[in-house]
């Protein structure tokens, strides 16, 4: 087929490559306000620093994925939120209070989605560390064995929840009072809306793994559980929940 010029000096082949690149960038970026365009957005909420270097989770999660995920998506949600709450009562609330107040408020979907995603992502980063994962010891190890019969049973149930979440969302280990459970939530939803205390999460939105694993969500979830979980962070959450 003739590779003819179709617009502004582009050949058909060049035009198609540029179009595909643009579609990919849109698919990997949070909605409403691109992070670069909103870099000057000021507000009551700040982006917490990563607890490790961007390349620290490699090879399970590459520096490129962390750079996009934290630097574009997480920051984008934060900047969106600061823009949305400006001049509203939400400015005086904690992030969890914003999530609860906006969850059922009419016309507050955008506030809720961005607030919850800021919280979820901050929690997600803190639940990982280089050289983590595997079967935990200590109080959290005993609590998991008591709740699920064995760590292997917990691992199977957690992976099933992560794979069973259709589309975007999260898999969680939570404390329901003194009981441990595995739950999944779609999109930006969080267990805190159900009165549950999150202990561990894995992000199964495609932007969390697609650059490294493409459509192999199971490989991403298994590698994260086996090699990245920060069990000291999980146990700290259990202690705070009174477990």
Protein backbone atom coordinates (compact mmCIF):
# COMPACT_ATOMS: atom_id res chain seq x y z
CA UNK A 1 0.00 0.00 0.00
CA UNK A 2 1.30 3.44 -0.90
CA UNK A 3 2.64 5.31 2.16
CA UNK A 4 1.24 8.67 1.05
CA UNK A 5 1.26 11.98 2.92
CA UNK A 6 -2.13 12.55 4.57
CA UNK A 7 -1.82 15.65 6.80
CA UNK A 8 0.74 18.20 7.98
CA UNK A 9 3.57 16.33 6.28
CA UNK A 10 2.81 13.00 8.02
CA UNK A 11 2.83 9.80 6.02
CA UNK A 12 0.04 7.32 6.75
CA UNK A 13 2.49 5.11 8.69
CA UNK A 14 3.78 8.03 10.80
CA UNK A 15 0.23 9.20 11.49
CA UNK A 16 -0.82 5.76 12.72
CA UNK A 17 2.22 5.50 15.02
CA UNK A 18 1.50 8.92 16.52
CA UNK A 19 -2.17 8.04 17.02
CA UNK A 20 -1.36 4.76 18.77
CA UNK A 21 1.15 6.47 21.03
CA UNK A 22 -1.46 9.04 21.98
CA UNK A 23 -4.03 6.37 22.80
CA UNK A 24 -1.51 4.55 25.01
CA UNK A 25 -0.68 7.71 26.93
CA UNK A 26 -4.36 8.46 27.52
CA UNK A 27 -4.98 4.93 28.78
CA UNK A 28 -2.16 5.25 31.31
CA UNK A 29 -3.12 8.70 32.66
CA UNK A 30 -5.66 9.67 35.35
CA UNK A 31 -8.66 11.64 34.20
CA UNK A 32 -9.58 15.29 34.67
CA UNK A 33 -6.21 17.02 35.20
CA UNK A 34 -2.87 15.74 33.81
CA UNK A 35 -0.21 15.80 36.50
CA UNK A 36 2.14 18.12 34.60
CA UNK A 37 -0.62 20.63 33.90
CA UNK A 38 -1.68 20.66 37.55
CA UNK A 39 1.78 20.80 39.10
CA UNK A 40 0.99 24.24 40.55
CA UNK A 41 -2.23 23.09 42.23
CA UNK A 42 -2.09 23.96 45.93
CA UNK A 43 -4.36 22.66 48.63
CA UNK A 44 -4.65 20.99 52.00
CA UNK A 45 -3.45 17.59 50.83
CA UNK A 46 0.14 16.70 49.98
CA UNK A 47 1.71 13.82 48.11
CA UNK A 48 3.57 11.64 50.63
CA UNK A 49 7.07 10.62 49.50
CA UNK A 50 7.64 7.04 48.45
CA UNK A 51 9.15 5.00 51.30
CA UNK A 52 11.90 3.78 48.91
CA UNK A 53 13.58 4.73 45.65
CA UNK A 54 11.61 4.36 42.42
CA UNK A 55 13.79 1.43 41.34
CA UNK A 56 13.76 -0.34 44.71
CA UNK A 57 10.92 -2.75 43.85
CA UNK A 58 12.57 -4.01 40.66
CA UNK A 59 12.46 -6.50 39.10
CA UNK A 60 8.95 -7.24 40.45
CA UNK A 61 7.79 -3.69 39.70
CA UNK A 62 10.04 -1.66 37.44
CA UNK A 63 11.20 1.90 38.05
CA UNK A 64 9.31 2.87 34.89
CA UNK A 65 6.04 1.55 36.30
CA UNK A 66 6.60 3.22 39.67
CA UNK A 67 7.48 6.47 37.91
CA UNK A 68 4.23 6.48 35.96
CA UNK A 69 2.10 5.07 38.76
CA UNK A 70 3.34 7.34 41.54
CA UNK A 71 4.48 10.36 39.56
CA UNK A 72 1.53 10.55 37.14
CA UNK A 73 -1.46 8.65 38.54
CA UNK A 74 -1.05 9.19 42.28
CA UNK A 75 0.01 12.81 41.82
CA UNK A 76 -2.80 13.34 39.34
CA UNK A 77 -5.41 12.16 41.85
CA UNK A 78 -3.91 14.40 44.51
CA UNK A 79 -3.89 17.48 42.29
CA UNK A 80 -7.44 16.77 41.17
CA UNK A 81 -8.54 16.50 44.80
CA UNK A 82 -6.91 19.76 45.83
CA UNK A 83 -8.63 21.52 42.95
CA UNK A 84 -12.01 19.98 43.77
CA UNK A 85 -12.00 20.78 47.50
CA UNK A 86 -10.85 24.38 47.17
CA UNK A 87 -13.31 26.67 48.90
CA UNK A 88 -15.39 23.79 50.31
CA UNK A 89 -15.78 22.30 53.82
CA UNK A 90 -13.61 19.39 52.68
CA UNK A 91 -10.55 21.63 53.04
CA UNK A 92 -10.77 21.32 56.82
CA UNK A 93 -11.23 17.53 56.89
CA UNK A 94 -8.78 14.67 57.07
CA UNK A 95 -8.51 12.48 53.98
CA UNK A 96 -10.54 9.68 55.59
CA UNK A 97 -13.22 12.19 56.60
CA UNK A 98 -13.41 13.43 53.01
CA UNK A 99 -13.83 9.87 51.76
CA UNK A 100 -16.66 9.12 54.18
CA UNK A 101 -18.41 12.45 53.67
CA UNK A 102 -18.26 12.34 49.87
CA UNK A 103 -19.08 8.64 49.45
CA UNK A 104 -22.83 9.16 49.51
CA UNK A 105 -23.06 12.88 48.88
CA UNK A 106 -25.01 13.92 45.79
CA UNK A 107 -22.75 15.23 43.07
CA UNK A 108 -19.63 14.31 45.03
CA UNK A 109 -18.42 11.40 42.92
CA UNK A 110 -15.33 13.21 41.65
CA UNK A 111 -14.30 14.24 45.17
CA UNK A 112 -14.79 10.72 46.46
CA UNK A 113 -12.94 9.03 43.58
CA UNK A 114 -9.88 11.24 43.85
CA UNK A 115 -9.77 11.27 47.67
CA UNK A 116 -10.12 7.49 47.87
CA UNK A 117 -7.49 6.94 45.20
CA UNK A 118 -5.03 9.17 47.03
CA UNK A 119 -5.62 7.18 50.23
CA UNK A 120 -5.54 3.79 48.49
CA UNK A 121 -2.30 4.53 46.68
CA UNK A 122 -0.51 5.86 49.76
CA UNK A 123 -1.54 2.72 51.62
CA UNK A 124 -0.43 0.53 48.70
CA UNK A 125 3.10 1.97 48.54
CA UNK A 126 3.60 1.57 52.28
CA UNK A 127 2.54 -2.07 52.16
CA UNK A 128 5.57 -3.01 50.05
CA UNK A 129 9.32 -3.07 50.55
CA UNK A 130 12.33 -4.48 48.70
CA UNK A 131 12.99 -8.06 49.72
CA UNK A 132 9.63 -8.49 51.40
CA UNK A 133 6.85 -10.99 50.89
CA UNK A 134 6.55 -14.68 51.58
CA UNK A 135 5.15 -16.34 54.67
CA UNK A 136 5.09 -13.91 57.61
CA UNK A 137 6.23 -14.62 61.15
CA UNK A 138 5.21 -12.92 64.38
CA UNK A 139 1.74 -11.81 65.33
CA UNK A 140 0.50 -11.30 61.78
CA UNK A 141 1.66 -14.79 60.81
CA UNK A 142 -0.28 -16.31 63.72
CA UNK A 143 -3.34 -14.20 62.96
CA UNK A 144 -3.36 -15.30 59.32
CA UNK A 145 -3.02 -18.97 60.26
CA UNK A 146 -5.85 -18.64 62.76
CA UNK A 147 -8.13 -16.87 60.29
CA UNK A 148 -7.41 -18.88 57.14
CA UNK A 149 -6.02 -22.17 58.44
CA UNK A 150 -2.62 -21.57 56.86
CA UNK A 151 -0.66 -18.94 54.99
CA UNK A 152 -1.09 -21.02 51.83
CA UNK A 153 -4.89 -20.79 52.18
CA UNK A 154 -4.67 -17.04 52.67
CA UNK A 155 -2.43 -16.70 49.62
CA UNK A 156 -4.87 -18.64 47.44
CA UNK A 157 -7.84 -16.60 48.67
CA UNK A 158 -6.05 -13.30 48.19
CA UNK A 159 -4.94 -14.18 44.66
CA UNK A 160 -8.48 -15.33 43.82
CA UNK A 161 -9.86 -11.98 45.02
CA UNK A 162 -7.32 -10.04 42.95
CA UNK A 163 -8.06 -12.07 39.83
CA UNK A 164 -11.79 -12.10 40.47
CA UNK A 165 -12.05 -8.30 40.53
CA UNK A 166 -13.48 -7.60 37.09
CA UNK A 167 -11.85 -4.53 35.61
CA UNK A 168 -10.12 -1.97 37.81
CA UNK A 169 -9.97 -2.24 41.58
CA UNK A 170 -8.17 -3.55 44.62
CA UNK A 171 -7.68 -6.75 46.63
CA UNK A 172 -7.42 -6.31 50.41
CA UNK A 173 -6.61 -8.08 53.64
CA UNK A 174 -8.73 -6.34 56.28
CA UNK A 175 -9.55 -6.52 59.96
CA UNK A 176 -13.24 -6.73 60.79
CA UNK A 177 -13.00 -6.20 64.51
CA UNK A 178 -10.67 -9.02 65.52
CA UNK A 179 -11.41 -11.16 62.47
CA UNK A 180 -9.28 -11.11 59.33
CA UNK A 181 -10.93 -11.22 55.91
CA UNK A 182 -10.00 -10.94 52.24
CA UNK A 183 -12.19 -8.58 50.23
CA UNK A 184 -12.06 -6.86 46.86
CA UNK A 185 -13.35 -3.45 45.83
CA UNK A 186 -13.98 -1.93 42.38
CA UNK A 187 -12.47 1.28 41.06
CA UNK A 188 -11.70 3.71 43.92
CA UNK A 189 -13.78 2.06 46.63
CA UNK A 190 -12.15 1.33 49.97
CA UNK A 191 -12.98 -1.05 52.84
CA UNK A 192 -13.01 1.89 55.23
CA UNK A 193 -16.44 2.75 53.80
CA UNK A 194 -17.66 -0.59 55.22
CA UNK A 195 -16.18 -0.04 58.67
CA UNK A 196 -13.25 -2.37 57.94
CA UNK A 197 -9.61 -1.60 58.68
CA UNK A 198 -7.28 -2.26 55.70
CA UNK A 199 -4.08 -4.14 56.48
CA UNK A 200 -2.72 -4.94 53.00
CA UNK A 201 -3.71 -4.16 49.43
CA UNK A 202 -2.65 -4.88 45.88
CA UNK A 203 -3.66 -2.49 43.12
CA UNK A 204 -5.15 -4.37 40.16
CA UNK A 205 -5.84 -1.36 37.98
CA UNK A 206 -4.00 -2.06 34.73
CA UNK A 207 -1.70 0.93 35.19
CA UNK A 208 -0.21 -0.88 38.22
CA UNK A 209 1.22 -3.72 36.17
CA UNK A 210 0.64 -3.43 32.42
CA UNK A 211 4.05 -1.99 31.48
CA UNK A 212 5.75 -4.95 33.20
CA UNK A 213 3.25 -7.81 32.86
CA UNK A 214 0.83 -6.80 30.09
CA UNK A 215 -2.31 -8.94 30.66
CA UNK A 216 -0.66 -11.33 33.15
CA UNK A 217 -2.33 -10.02 36.30
CA UNK A 218 -1.81 -13.32 38.12
CA UNK A 219 1.97 -13.15 37.67
CA UNK A 220 1.99 -9.61 39.05
CA UNK A 221 -0.12 -10.50 42.09
CA UNK A 222 1.87 -13.64 42.89
CA UNK A 223 5.21 -11.85 42.56
CA UNK A 224 4.00 -8.99 44.75
CA UNK A 225 2.83 -11.36 47.49
CA UNK A 226 5.92 -13.52 47.34
CA UNK A 227 8.57 -10.80 47.08
CA UNK A 228 7.29 -7.38 48.15
CA UNK A 229 4.81 -7.41 51.06
CA UNK A 230 5.95 -5.33 54.02
CA UNK A 231 4.70 -7.59 56.79
CA UNK A 232 5.91 -5.21 59.51
CA UNK A 233 3.54 -2.57 58.09
CA UNK A 234 0.70 -5.11 57.97
CA UNK A 235 1.33 -6.17 61.56
CA UNK A 236 1.37 -2.54 62.66
CA UNK A 237 -2.06 -2.10 61.11
CA UNK A 238 -3.29 -5.20 62.91
CA UNK A 239 -2.07 -3.82 66.22
CA UNK A 240 -3.80 -0.50 65.59
CA UNK A 241 -7.00 -2.38 64.76
CA UNK A 242 -6.79 -4.10 68.16
CA UNK A 243 -5.96 -7.56 66.78
